[in-house]
Amino acid sequence: MQEKYEVIKLRLSEKSYMPTFHDEYYEYLAKKFRTTVKELKSGFSKQKDYYKSLTIPMGKSRIGGSVVDLPPNIEYPHDTCLVAQLNCEEISKYDKLKLLPTKGFIYVFIKNMDIEGVSGIVIYSDADVSQLERVIKNESFWFGTGQLIEGCENLTESFEQRFINEDGEFELGCNTVEDMTRVYGMYTYGVYEGLWLDSEPEVREIVENKNNMILLLEIANDCPEVDGSYSVYINENDLLNRDFSKCIFVHSQS
């Protein structure tokens, strides 16, 4: 079994931002969650005020929010929410595995999040920053608040760091929160082929057998209905060939 796994930790800004959505969307949310439009509009006031004063650099890497910079030939995918915009030139400087593109942008969108599973779309463009156009989505429930990626850090992790607690016992999901926002790392999904993994031998076997699956992105989400960690996996050969059409989205509350 591989002893060490390279990780690119994405360091997020302390403050988060959120645009003000249109009235029809607030009315939809009010019905969905049995609250009032007034209460919804008053929520996240700090994030909305911060957004008004924030200048987001074109092409800057970010997690969540409703602000994305797209080249003219790519439309914001219908019925999705932005999970991440990754500037490859920024992040690839920390890529010890030399698998990521060194230019362009990776866009991650969530298409569906419910108890039956999660799905999404990953798009890669080799466009230059000068070609991008800003798009602001006027509705976004999942990952509605955004955070800029202020920097990156190289880390390594092992099975023991990920799954062995302070008492030396196996614990699924142990030690996952601190470095949740990341590129790379071991395969750590708590469910495999519909079955919960609850023993150390099972997890070790799956981790070892999934070495060809690259963790393209892992982040946390605290939305009440679907909180937990979200991971996007891609086959190593697909990543090298810049084929992002078969990415696997998984949600884990472990």
Protein backbone atom coordinates (compact mmCIF):
# COMPACT_ATOMS: atom_id res chain seq x y z
CA MET A 1 0.00 0.00 0.00
CA GLN A 2 1.23 3.49 -0.84
CA GLU A 3 2.71 5.03 2.32
CA LYS A 4 2.43 8.75 1.58
CA TYR A 5 0.00 10.79 -0.50
CA GLU A 6 0.69 14.24 -1.87
CA VAL A 7 -1.88 16.94 -1.08
CA ILE A 8 -2.35 20.51 -2.29
CA LYS A 9 -4.15 22.30 0.51
CA LEU A 10 -6.22 25.25 -0.71
CA ARG A 11 -6.06 28.14 1.74
CA LEU A 12 -9.35 30.05 1.75
CA SER A 13 -9.97 33.68 2.63
CA GLU A 14 -11.37 34.21 6.12
CA LYS A 15 -14.33 36.22 4.84
CA SER A 16 -17.02 34.84 2.56
CA TYR A 17 -19.22 36.72 0.13
CA MET A 18 -22.72 36.35 -1.31
CA PRO A 19 -24.53 38.41 -3.95
CA THR A 20 -28.14 39.44 -3.30
CA PHE A 21 -30.49 37.15 -5.22
CA HIS A 22 -33.65 38.18 -7.05
CA ASP A 23 -37.03 38.32 -5.24
CA GLU A 24 -38.50 35.31 -7.04
CA TYR A 25 -35.72 33.11 -5.75
CA TYR A 26 -36.20 34.30 -2.16
CA GLU A 27 -39.92 33.51 -2.52
CA TYR A 28 -39.05 30.01 -3.71
CA LEU A 29 -36.72 29.44 -0.75
CA ALA A 30 -39.30 30.83 1.70
CA LYS A 31 -41.83 28.21 0.58
CA LYS A 32 -39.25 25.43 0.58
CA PHE A 33 -38.06 26.10 4.13
CA ARG A 34 -41.28 27.52 5.57
CA THR A 35 -39.85 30.88 6.45
CA THR A 36 -40.30 34.45 5.20
CA VAL A 37 -38.66 36.43 2.45
CA LYS A 38 -37.73 39.07 5.01
CA GLU A 39 -35.86 36.56 7.18
CA LEU A 40 -34.05 35.16 4.16
CA LYS A 41 -32.98 38.59 2.94
CA SER A 42 -31.70 39.52 6.39
CA GLY A 43 -29.63 36.34 6.55
CA PHE A 44 -25.99 36.38 5.47
CA SER A 45 -26.01 40.18 5.77
CA LYS A 46 -22.26 40.26 6.52
CA GLN A 47 -21.50 38.23 3.40
CA LYS A 48 -23.70 40.48 1.25
CA ASP A 49 -22.16 43.67 2.65
CA TYR A 50 -18.67 42.25 2.10
CA TYR A 51 -19.54 41.38 -1.51
CA LYS A 52 -20.53 45.00 -2.20
CA SER A 53 -17.07 46.19 -1.14
CA LEU A 54 -15.11 43.29 -2.63
CA THR A 55 -13.19 43.45 -5.88
CA ILE A 56 -12.78 39.89 -7.16
CA PRO A 57 -9.84 39.66 -9.58
CA MET A 58 -10.78 38.18 -12.94
CA GLY A 59 -9.76 34.53 -13.06
CA LYS A 60 -8.99 34.28 -9.34
CA SER A 61 -9.45 30.79 -7.88
CA ARG A 62 -12.49 30.49 -5.63
CA ILE A 63 -14.79 28.06 -3.87
CA GLY A 64 -18.57 28.44 -4.10
CA GLY A 65 -20.52 31.64 -4.54
CA SER A 66 -22.39 32.80 -7.61
CA VAL A 67 -19.59 34.65 -9.37
CA VAL A 68 -17.70 32.79 -12.10
CA ASP A 69 -15.40 33.91 -14.92
CA LEU A 70 -16.08 31.97 -18.13
CA PRO A 71 -14.67 32.12 -21.66
CA PRO A 72 -17.24 33.11 -24.32
CA ASN A 73 -17.55 29.56 -25.67
CA ILE A 74 -18.69 28.12 -22.32
CA GLU A 75 -22.13 28.79 -20.86
CA TYR A 76 -23.00 28.47 -17.18
CA PRO A 77 -24.46 24.93 -17.07
CA HIS A 78 -28.23 24.93 -16.63
CA ASP A 79 -29.65 24.02 -13.22
CA THR A 80 -26.27 23.85 -11.47
CA CYS A 81 -24.41 25.67 -8.70
CA LEU A 82 -20.78 26.70 -8.82
CA VAL A 83 -18.55 24.63 -6.54
CA ALA A 84 -15.15 25.88 -7.65
CA GLN A 85 -13.21 27.89 -10.19
CA LEU A 86 -9.59 26.75 -10.19
CA ASN A 87 -6.91 28.81 -11.91
CA CYS A 88 -4.48 26.13 -13.09
CA GLU A 89 -1.58 28.55 -13.39
CA GLU A 90 -1.93 29.38 -9.68
CA ILE A 91 -2.45 25.85 -8.38
CA SER A 92 -0.13 23.88 -10.69
CA LYS A 93 2.88 25.61 -9.10
CA TYR A 94 2.28 23.28 -6.14
CA ASP A 95 1.65 20.16 -8.25
CA LYS A 96 4.42 17.72 -7.34
CA LEU A 97 2.65 14.96 -9.28
CA LYS A 98 2.68 17.02 -12.49
CA LEU A 99 -0.82 15.92 -13.48
CA LEU A 100 -2.75 19.20 -13.54
CA PRO A 101 -2.86 21.55 -16.53
CA THR A 102 -0.36 24.38 -16.14
CA LYS A 103 -2.64 26.95 -17.76
CA GLY A 104 -6.36 27.55 -18.11
CA PHE A 105 -9.21 26.95 -15.71
CA ILE A 106 -11.09 24.04 -14.17
CA TYR A 107 -14.75 24.70 -13.36
CA VAL A 108 -16.71 22.42 -11.03
CA PHE A 109 -20.52 22.61 -10.86
CA ILE A 110 -22.95 20.62 -8.71
CA LYS A 111 -26.00 19.45 -10.64
CA ASN A 112 -27.90 17.46 -8.06
CA MET A 113 -27.59 17.04 -4.29
CA ASP A 114 -30.09 14.84 -2.46
CA ILE A 115 -30.34 11.65 -0.44
CA GLU A 116 -30.09 9.59 -3.63
CA GLY A 117 -26.68 10.93 -4.51
CA VAL A 118 -24.77 13.80 -6.00
CA SER A 119 -23.88 14.58 -9.58
CA GLY A 120 -22.10 17.38 -11.32
CA ILE A 121 -20.17 18.74 -14.26
CA VAL A 122 -16.46 19.49 -14.60
CA ILE A 123 -15.28 21.71 -17.45
CA TYR A 124 -11.73 22.55 -18.46
CA SER A 125 -10.75 25.49 -20.65
CA ASP A 126 -7.25 26.52 -21.70
CA ALA A 127 -8.44 30.12 -22.10
CA ASP A 128 -6.33 33.05 -20.98
CA VAL A 129 -7.54 35.44 -18.29
CA SER A 130 -7.98 38.15 -20.91
CA GLN A 131 -10.62 36.01 -22.63
CA LEU A 132 -12.84 35.56 -19.58
CA GLU A 133 -16.19 37.21 -18.98
CA ARG A 134 -17.80 37.54 -15.55
CA VAL A 135 -21.10 35.74 -14.98
CA ILE A 136 -23.15 36.28 -11.82
CA LYS A 137 -25.77 33.63 -11.13
CA ASN A 138 -28.84 35.20 -9.55
CA GLU A 139 -29.71 32.11 -7.56
CA SER A 140 -27.64 29.53 -5.74
CA PHE A 141 -28.75 27.46 -2.78
CA TRP A 142 -25.88 24.99 -2.53
CA PHE A 143 -22.49 26.63 -2.05
CA GLY A 144 -24.24 30.00 -2.12
CA THR A 145 -21.46 31.74 -0.24
CA GLY A 146 -18.08 32.10 -1.89
CA GLN A 147 -14.49 32.28 -0.67
CA LEU A 148 -11.42 33.25 -2.64
CA ILE A 149 -8.47 30.86 -2.62
CA GLU A 150 -5.69 33.01 -1.18
CA GLY A 151 -2.89 30.50 -1.54
CA CYS A 152 -1.82 26.86 -1.57
CA GLU A 153 0.34 24.63 0.59
CA ASN A 154 2.00 21.28 -0.06
CA LEU A 155 1.21 18.55 2.45
CA THR A 156 1.55 14.79 2.66
CA GLU A 157 -0.84 12.41 4.36
CA SER A 158 -0.84 8.76 5.30
CA PHE A 159 -3.53 6.22 6.09
CA GLU A 160 -2.67 6.54 9.78
CA GLN A 161 -3.08 10.33 9.75
CA ARG A 162 -6.42 10.03 8.00
CA PHE A 163 -8.04 7.15 9.85
CA ILE A 164 -6.24 6.40 13.12
CA ASN A 165 -7.36 8.46 16.12
CA GLU A 166 -5.38 9.61 19.16
CA ASP A 167 -6.05 6.31 20.92
CA GLY A 168 -4.50 4.35 18.07
CA GLU A 169 -7.88 3.00 16.95
CA PHE A 170 -9.37 2.97 13.46
CA GLU A 171 -12.02 5.67 13.00
CA LEU A 172 -13.77 6.30 9.69
CA GLY A 173 -13.60 9.99 8.83
CA CYS A 174 -11.03 10.77 11.53
CA ASN A 175 -8.84 13.86 11.04
CA THR A 176 -10.59 15.05 7.88
CA VAL A 177 -11.82 18.54 8.75
CA GLU A 178 -8.63 20.58 9.15
CA ASP A 179 -7.41 20.08 5.59
CA MET A 180 -10.78 19.53 3.94
CA THR A 181 -10.34 21.92 1.01
CA ARG A 182 -7.76 20.17 -1.11
CA VAL A 183 -6.54 18.80 -4.39
CA TYR A 184 -5.06 15.27 -4.27
CA GLY A 185 -4.91 12.86 -1.35
CA MET A 186 -6.08 9.30 -0.83
CA TYR A 187 -9.44 7.85 -1.78
CA THR A 188 -11.44 8.33 1.42
CA TYR A 189 -15.10 7.99 0.53
CA GLY A 190 -16.97 6.19 3.33
CA VAL A 191 -19.31 4.30 0.99
CA TYR A 192 -18.19 1.96 -1.78
CA GLU A 193 -20.63 0.45 -4.31
CA GLY A 194 -23.53 1.29 -1.99
CA LEU A 195 -22.01 -0.35 1.09
CA TRP A 196 -20.77 1.47 4.18
CA LEU A 197 -17.14 0.68 4.96
CA ASP A 198 -16.68 0.27 8.68
CA SER A 199 -13.54 -1.79 9.20
CA GLU A 200 -9.87 -0.99 8.74
CA PRO A 201 -9.15 -3.92 6.35
CA GLU A 202 -12.06 -2.90 4.09
CA VAL A 203 -10.95 0.70 3.87
CA ARG A 204 -7.29 -0.21 3.35
CA GLU A 205 -8.26 -2.50 0.46
CA ILE A 206 -10.41 0.14 -1.24
CA VAL A 207 -7.78 2.86 -0.78
CA GLU A 208 -5.14 0.60 -2.32
CA ASN A 209 -7.37 -0.41 -5.24
CA LYS A 210 -8.31 3.20 -5.99
CA ASN A 211 -4.76 4.48 -6.52
CA ASN A 212 -5.57 5.24 -10.16
CA MET A 213 -8.37 7.60 -9.05
CA ILE A 214 -7.14 11.16 -8.50
CA LEU A 215 -8.87 13.39 -5.97
CA LEU A 216 -9.42 16.46 -8.13
CA LEU A 217 -11.16 18.42 -5.38
CA GLU A 218 -12.49 17.92 -1.87
CA ILE A 219 -14.42 20.57 0.03
CA ALA A 220 -16.85 20.85 2.90
CA ASN A 221 -20.42 22.14 2.76
CA ASP A 222 -22.56 23.11 5.76
CA CYS A 223 -25.91 23.36 3.98
CA PRO A 224 -28.41 21.88 6.51
CA GLU A 225 -29.91 19.26 4.20
CA VAL A 226 -26.72 18.01 2.58
CA ASP A 227 -23.83 18.87 4.87
CA GLY A 228 -20.62 16.90 4.81
CA SER A 229 -17.67 16.59 2.47
CA TYR A 230 -17.88 16.60 -1.31
CA SER A 231 -15.23 14.96 -3.42
CA VAL A 232 -14.62 14.91 -7.16
CA TYR A 233 -12.53 12.02 -8.50
CA ILE A 234 -11.01 11.57 -11.93
CA ASN A 235 -9.10 8.73 -13.53
CA GLU A 236 -5.40 9.55 -13.80
CA ASN A 237 -5.26 8.89 -17.55
CA ASP A 238 -8.33 11.06 -18.11
CA LEU A 239 -6.68 13.88 -16.19
CA LEU A 240 -3.50 13.60 -18.25
CA ASN A 241 -5.62 13.62 -21.43
CA ARG A 242 -7.63 16.60 -20.15
CA ASP A 243 -10.84 14.57 -20.37
CA PHE A 244 -13.08 15.76 -17.52
CA SER A 245 -16.30 14.21 -18.86
CA LYS A 246 -16.25 11.14 -16.59
CA CYS A 247 -15.54 12.70 -13.20
CA ILE A 248 -17.17 11.02 -10.21
CA PHE A 249 -18.91 13.12 -7.56
CA VAL A 250 -19.36 11.67 -4.08
CA HIS A 251 -20.88 12.98 -0.86
CA SER A 252 -19.83 11.66 2.53
CA GLN A 253 -21.14 12.52 5.98
CA SER A 254 -18.61 10.26 7.67
